[in-house]
Amino acid sequence: MSNNLLSKCQLRQATSRDIWTIRRLVLGAFLDPTQLKVEQFWVIELEGKVIACGQLRTFEQA
């Protein structure tokens, strides 16, 4: 990946406006969309368009 592309990308915490894009990305990856909480997601934008997302969750220790 070129540095030029990386410099154009922006990492940010997802907002409620992003939920449908996140849902589409999750479904496209054949992942479970049933417990999507937008506050657990971060997105990568390129030229104002969300191109990737990641979920960060905290799990209780068993």
PDB file of N, CA and C in Angstrom:
ATOM      1  N   MET A   1       0.857  -1.171   0.000  1.00  0.00           N
ATOM      2  CA  MET A   1       0.000   0.000   0.000  1.00  0.00           C
ATOM      3  C   MET A   1       0.900   1.230   0.000  1.00  0.00           C
ATOM      4  N   SER A   2       0.611   2.141  -0.869  1.00  0.00           N
ATOM      5  CA  SER A   2       1.472   3.317  -0.977  1.00  0.00           C
ATOM      6  C   SER A   2       1.205   4.316   0.139  1.00  0.00           C
ATOM      7  N   ASN A   3       2.226   5.080   0.481  1.00  0.00           N
ATOM      8  CA  ASN A   3       2.063   6.128   1.491  1.00  0.00           C
ATOM      9  C   ASN A   3       1.044   7.161   1.046  1.00  0.00           C
ATOM     10  N   ASN A   4       0.935   7.390  -0.263  1.00  0.00           N
ATOM     11  CA  ASN A   4      -0.026   8.348  -0.787  1.00  0.00           C
ATOM     12  C   ASN A   4      -1.455   7.934  -0.432  1.00  0.00           C
ATOM     13  N   LEU A   5      -1.767   6.649  -0.600  1.00  0.00           N
ATOM     14  CA  LEU A   5      -3.096   6.154  -0.257  1.00  0.00           C
ATOM     15  C   LEU A   5      -3.338   6.280   1.244  1.00  0.00           C
ATOM     16  N   LEU A   6      -2.338   5.893   2.044  1.00  0.00           N
ATOM     17  CA  LEU A   6      -2.481   5.977   3.495  1.00  0.00           C
ATOM     18  C   LEU A   6      -2.712   7.408   3.953  1.00  0.00           C
ATOM     19  N   SER A   7      -2.071   8.360   3.323  1.00  0.00           N
ATOM     20  CA  SER A   7      -2.234   9.753   3.735  1.00  0.00           C
ATOM     21  C   SER A   7      -3.624  10.282   3.413  1.00  0.00           C
ATOM     22  N   LYS A   8      -4.331   9.628   2.513  1.00  0.00           N
ATOM     23  CA  LYS A   8      -5.682  10.055   2.149  1.00  0.00           C
ATOM     24  C   LYS A   8      -6.755   9.400   3.021  1.00  0.00           C
ATOM     25  N   CYS A   9      -6.372   8.382   3.783  1.00  0.00           N
ATOM     26  CA  CYS A   9      -7.330   7.671   4.635  1.00  0.00           C
ATOM     27  C   CYS A   9      -7.440   8.341   5.996  1.00  0.00           C
ATOM     28  N   GLN A  10      -8.631   8.238   6.566  1.00  0.00           N
ATOM     29  CA  GLN A  10      -8.863   8.787   7.895  1.00  0.00           C
ATOM     30  C   GLN A  10      -9.491   7.710   8.767  1.00  0.00           C
ATOM     31  N   LEU A  11      -8.909   7.452   9.926  1.00  0.00           N
ATOM     32  CA  LEU A  11      -9.457   6.539  10.922  1.00  0.00           C
ATOM     33  C   LEU A  11     -10.228   7.363  11.930  1.00  0.00           C
ATOM     34  N   ARG A  12     -11.470   6.949  12.192  1.00  0.00           N
ATOM     35  CA  ARG A  12     -12.286   7.674  13.173  1.00  0.00           C
ATOM     36  C   ARG A  12     -13.278   6.721  13.819  1.00  0.00           C
ATOM     37  N   GLN A  13     -13.771   7.122  14.968  1.00  0.00           N
ATOM     38  CA  GLN A  13     -14.812   6.346  15.630  1.00  0.00           C
ATOM     39  C   GLN A  13     -16.104   6.501  14.852  1.00  0.00           C
ATOM     40  N   ALA A  14     -16.834   5.413  14.714  1.00  0.00           N
ATOM     41  CA  ALA A  14     -18.089   5.434  13.972  1.00  0.00           C
ATOM     42  C   ALA A  14     -19.137   6.270  14.697  1.00  0.00           C
ATOM     43  N   THR A  15     -20.053   6.807  13.918  1.00  0.00           N
ATOM     44  CA  THR A  15     -21.194   7.544  14.461  1.00  0.00           C
ATOM     45  C   THR A  15     -22.478   6.854  14.008  1.00  0.00           C
ATOM     46  N   SER A  16     -23.590   7.307  14.514  1.00  0.00           N
ATOM     47  CA  SER A  16     -24.872   6.698  14.148  1.00  0.00           C
ATOM     48  C   SER A  16     -25.137   6.779  12.648  1.00  0.00           C
ATOM     49  N   ARG A  17     -24.557   7.756  11.977  1.00  0.00           N
ATOM     50  CA  ARG A  17     -24.726   7.865  10.510  1.00  0.00           C
ATOM     51  C   ARG A  17     -24.080   6.707   9.777  1.00  0.00           C
ATOM     52  N   ASP A  18     -23.144   6.011  10.409  1.00  0.00           N
ATOM     53  CA  ASP A  18     -22.384   4.946   9.758  1.00  0.00           C
ATOM     54  C   ASP A  18     -23.015   3.565   9.875  1.00  0.00           C
ATOM     55  N   ILE A  19     -24.075   3.410  10.654  1.00  0.00           N
ATOM     56  CA  ILE A  19     -24.570   2.070  10.978  1.00  0.00           C
ATOM     57  C   ILE A  19     -24.960   1.262   9.745  1.00  0.00           C
ATOM     58  N   TRP A  20     -25.578   1.871   8.739  1.00  0.00           N
ATOM     59  CA  TRP A  20     -25.998   1.102   7.561  1.00  0.00           C
ATOM     60  C   TRP A  20     -24.801   0.693   6.719  1.00  0.00           C
ATOM     61  N   THR A  21     -23.790   1.516   6.659  1.00  0.00           N
ATOM     62  CA  THR A  21     -22.568   1.143   5.941  1.00  0.00           C
ATOM     63  C   THR A  21     -21.856   0.012   6.678  1.00  0.00           C
ATOM     64  N   ILE A  22     -21.792   0.105   7.988  1.00  0.00           N
ATOM     65  CA  ILE A  22     -21.190  -0.959   8.794  1.00  0.00           C
ATOM     66  C   ILE A  22     -21.958  -2.254   8.598  1.00  0.00           C
ATOM     67  N   ARG A  23     -23.272  -2.176   8.647  1.00  0.00           N
ATOM     68  CA  ARG A  23     -24.117  -3.367   8.460  1.00  0.00           C
ATOM     69  C   ARG A  23     -23.838  -4.013   7.094  1.00  0.00           C
ATOM     70  N   ARG A  24     -23.721  -3.187   6.055  1.00  0.00           N
ATOM     71  CA  ARG A  24     -23.452  -3.699   4.707  1.00  0.00           C
ATOM     72  C   ARG A  24     -22.084  -4.385   4.655  1.00  0.00           C
ATOM     73  N   LEU A  25     -21.076  -3.770   5.260  1.00  0.00           N
ATOM     74  CA  LEU A  25     -19.743  -4.368   5.273  1.00  0.00           C
ATOM     75  C   LEU A  25     -19.725  -5.687   6.056  1.00  0.00           C
ATOM     76  N   VAL A  26     -20.412  -5.730   7.174  1.00  0.00           N
ATOM     77  CA  VAL A  26     -20.473  -6.941   7.995  1.00  0.00           C
ATOM     78  C   VAL A  26     -21.188  -8.058   7.235  1.00  0.00           C
ATOM     79  N   LEU A  27     -22.320  -7.749   6.629  1.00  0.00           N
ATOM     80  CA  LEU A  27     -23.052  -8.758   5.868  1.00  0.00           C
ATOM     81  C   LEU A  27     -22.245  -9.233   4.663  1.00  0.00           C
ATOM     82  N   GLY A  28     -21.525  -8.319   4.018  1.00  0.00           N
ATOM     83  CA  GLY A  28     -20.694  -8.678   2.872  1.00  0.00           C
ATOM     84  C   GLY A  28     -19.556  -9.621   3.227  1.00  0.00           C
ATOM     85  N   ALA A  29     -19.147  -9.601   4.487  1.00  0.00           N
ATOM     86  CA  ALA A  29     -18.091 -10.489   4.963  1.00  0.00           C
ATOM     87  C   ALA A  29     -18.661 -11.764   5.589  1.00  0.00           C
ATOM     88  N   PHE A  30     -19.980 -11.947   5.476  1.00  0.00           N
ATOM     89  CA  PHE A  30     -20.670 -13.122   6.011  1.00  0.00           C
ATOM     90  C   PHE A  30     -20.477 -13.259   7.520  1.00  0.00           C
ATOM     91  N   LEU A  31     -20.486 -12.117   8.225  1.00  0.00           N
ATOM     92  CA  LEU A  31     -20.368 -12.101   9.683  1.00  0.00           C
ATOM     93  C   LEU A  31     -21.737 -11.887  10.302  1.00  0.00           C
ATOM     94  N   ASP A  32     -21.842 -12.131  11.585  1.00  0.00           N
ATOM     95  CA  ASP A  32     -23.105 -12.008  12.310  1.00  0.00           C
ATOM     96  C   ASP A  32     -23.444 -10.537  12.558  1.00  0.00           C
ATOM     97  N   PRO A  33     -24.547 -10.042  11.985  1.00  0.00           N
ATOM     98  CA  PRO A  33     -24.904  -8.634  12.146  1.00  0.00           C
ATOM     99  C   PRO A  33     -25.849  -8.368  13.315  1.00  0.00           C
ATOM    100  N   THR A  34     -26.094  -9.361  14.171  1.00  0.00           N
ATOM    101  CA  THR A  34     -27.153  -9.208  15.170  1.00  0.00           C
ATOM    102  C   THR A  34     -26.775  -8.358  16.375  1.00  0.00           C
ATOM    103  N   GLN A  35     -25.511  -8.172  16.650  1.00  0.00           N
ATOM    104  CA  GLN A  35     -25.126  -7.413  17.845  1.00  0.00           C
ATOM    105  C   GLN A  35     -24.242  -6.224  17.493  1.00  0.00           C
ATOM    106  N   LEU A  36     -24.628  -5.493  16.471  1.00  0.00           N
ATOM    107  CA  LEU A  36     -23.850  -4.328  16.052  1.00  0.00           C
ATOM    108  C   LEU A  36     -24.194  -3.139  16.941  1.00  0.00           C
ATOM    109  N   LYS A  37     -23.194  -2.630  17.624  1.00  0.00           N
ATOM    110  CA  LYS A  37     -23.350  -1.428  18.442  1.00  0.00           C
ATOM    111  C   LYS A  37     -22.372  -0.409  17.897  1.00  0.00           C
ATOM    112  N   VAL A  38     -22.895   0.645  17.320  1.00  0.00           N
ATOM    113  CA  VAL A  38     -22.066   1.603  16.599  1.00  0.00           C
ATOM    114  C   VAL A  38     -20.942   2.165  17.468  1.00  0.00           C
ATOM    115  N   GLU A  39     -21.157   2.266  18.765  1.00  0.00           N
ATOM    116  CA  GLU A  39     -20.121   2.823  19.642  1.00  0.00           C
ATOM    117  C   GLU A  39     -18.917   1.890  19.782  1.00  0.00           C
ATOM    118  N   GLN A  40     -19.023   0.651  19.319  1.00  0.00           N
ATOM    119  CA  GLN A  40     -17.901  -0.296  19.371  1.00  0.00           C
ATOM    120  C   GLN A  40     -17.093  -0.302  18.076  1.00  0.00           C
ATOM    121  N   PHE A  41     -17.476   0.510  17.109  1.00  0.00           N
ATOM    122  CA  PHE A  41     -16.840   0.455  15.790  1.00  0.00           C
ATOM    123  C   PHE A  41     -15.971   1.665  15.499  1.00  0.00           C
ATOM    124  N   TRP A  42     -14.933   1.398  14.715  1.00  0.00           N
ATOM    125  CA  TRP A  42     -14.088   2.413  14.114  1.00  0.00           C
ATOM    126  C   TRP A  42     -14.173   2.210  12.613  1.00  0.00           C
ATOM    127  N   VAL A  43     -14.076   3.274  11.863  1.00  0.00           N
ATOM    128  CA  VAL A  43     -14.155   3.177  10.410  1.00  0.00           C
ATOM    129  C   VAL A  43     -12.946   3.855   9.772  1.00  0.00           C
ATOM    130  N   ILE A  44     -12.651   3.431   8.553  1.00  0.00           N
ATOM    131  CA  ILE A  44     -11.638   4.086   7.731  1.00  0.00           C
ATOM    132  C   ILE A  44     -12.356   4.712   6.548  1.00  0.00           C
ATOM    133  N   GLU A  45     -12.114   6.002   6.360  1.00  0.00           N
ATOM    134  CA  GLU A  45     -12.705   6.741   5.244  1.00  0.00           C
ATOM    135  C   GLU A  45     -11.634   7.057   4.209  1.00  0.00           C
ATOM    136  N   LEU A  46     -12.026   6.993   2.963  1.00  0.00           N
ATOM    137  CA  LEU A  46     -11.183   7.422   1.862  1.00  0.00           C
ATOM    138  C   LEU A  46     -12.019   8.351   1.002  1.00  0.00           C
ATOM    139  N   GLU A  47     -11.584   9.585   0.911  1.00  0.00           N
ATOM    140  CA  GLU A  47     -12.287  10.605   0.137  1.00  0.00           C
ATOM    141  C   GLU A  47     -13.760  10.708   0.545  1.00  0.00           C
ATOM    142  N   GLY A  48     -14.002  10.676   1.864  1.00  0.00           N
ATOM    143  CA  GLY A  48     -15.348  10.857   2.406  1.00  0.00           C
ATOM    144  C   GLY A  48     -16.231   9.632   2.378  1.00  0.00           C
ATOM    145  N   LYS A  49     -15.702   8.481   1.932  1.00  0.00           N
ATOM    146  CA  LYS A  49     -16.496   7.255   1.864  1.00  0.00           C
ATOM    147  C   LYS A  49     -15.898   6.216   2.802  1.00  0.00           C
ATOM    148  N   VAL A  50     -16.747   5.576   3.612  1.00  0.00           N
ATOM    149  CA  VAL A  50     -16.285   4.521   4.517  1.00  0.00           C
ATOM    150  C   VAL A  50     -15.922   3.302   3.674  1.00  0.00           C
ATOM    151  N   ILE A  51     -14.681   2.851   3.811  1.00  0.00           N
ATOM    152  CA  ILE A  51     -14.214   1.703   3.022  1.00  0.00           C
ATOM    153  C   ILE A  51     -13.901   0.479   3.878  1.00  0.00           C
ATOM    154  N   ALA A  52     -13.852   0.650   5.200  1.00  0.00           N
ATOM    155  CA  ALA A  52     -13.557  -0.473   6.087  1.00  0.00           C
ATOM    156  C   ALA A  52     -14.033  -0.134   7.494  1.00  0.00           C
ATOM    157  N   CYS A  53     -14.247  -1.185   8.284  1.00  0.00           N
ATOM    158  CA  CYS A  53     -14.642  -0.963   9.672  1.00  0.00           C
ATOM    159  C   CYS A  53     -14.057  -2.080  10.528  1.00  0.00           C
ATOM    160  N   GLY A  54     -13.959  -1.798  11.807  1.00  0.00           N
ATOM    161  CA  GLY A  54     -13.503  -2.785  12.771  1.00  0.00           C
ATOM    162  C   GLY A  54     -14.238  -2.589  14.081  1.00  0.00           C
ATOM    163  N   GLN A  55     -14.512  -3.680  14.745  1.00  0.00           N
ATOM    164  CA  GLN A  55     -15.234  -3.621  16.011  1.00  0.00           C
ATOM    165  C   GLN A  55     -14.276  -3.946  17.148  1.00  0.00           C
ATOM    166  N   LEU A  56     -14.312  -3.133  18.186  1.00  0.00           N
ATOM    167  CA  LEU A  56     -13.517  -3.348  19.392  1.00  0.00           C
ATOM    168  C   LEU A  56     -14.480  -3.588  20.543  1.00  0.00           C
ATOM    169  N   ARG A  57     -14.396  -4.760  21.121  1.00  0.00           N
ATOM    170  CA  ARG A  57     -15.298  -5.119  22.215  1.00  0.00           C
ATOM    171  C   ARG A  57     -14.499  -5.556  23.426  1.00  0.00           C
ATOM    172  N   THR A  58     -15.092  -5.368  24.587  1.00  0.00           N
ATOM    173  CA  THR A  58     -14.516  -5.837  25.843  1.00  0.00           C
ATOM    174  C   THR A  58     -15.288  -7.076  26.263  1.00  0.00           C
ATOM    175  N   PHE A  59     -14.576  -8.142  26.588  1.00  0.00           N
ATOM    176  CA  PHE A  59     -15.207  -9.378  27.046  1.00  0.00           C
ATOM    177  C   PHE A  59     -14.844  -9.603  28.497  1.00  0.00           C
ATOM    178  N   GLU A  60     -15.810 -10.104  29.252  1.00  0.00           N
ATOM    179  CA  GLU A  60     -15.538 -10.444  30.647  1.00  0.00           C
ATOM    180  C   GLU A  60     -14.710 -11.719  30.671  1.00  0.00           C
ATOM    181  N   GLN A  61     -13.795 -11.794  31.636  1.00  0.00           N
ATOM    182  CA  GLN A  61     -13.010 -13.023  31.783  1.00  0.00           C
ATOM    183  C   GLN A  61     -13.865 -14.095  32.417  1.00  0.00           C
ATOM    184  N   ALA A  62     -13.694 -15.313  31.934  1.00  0.00           N
ATOM    185  CA  ALA A  62     -14.492 -16.446  32.461  1.00  0.00           C
ATOM    186  C   ALA A  62     -13.854 -17.024  33.688  1.00  0.00           C
TER     187      ALA A  62
END
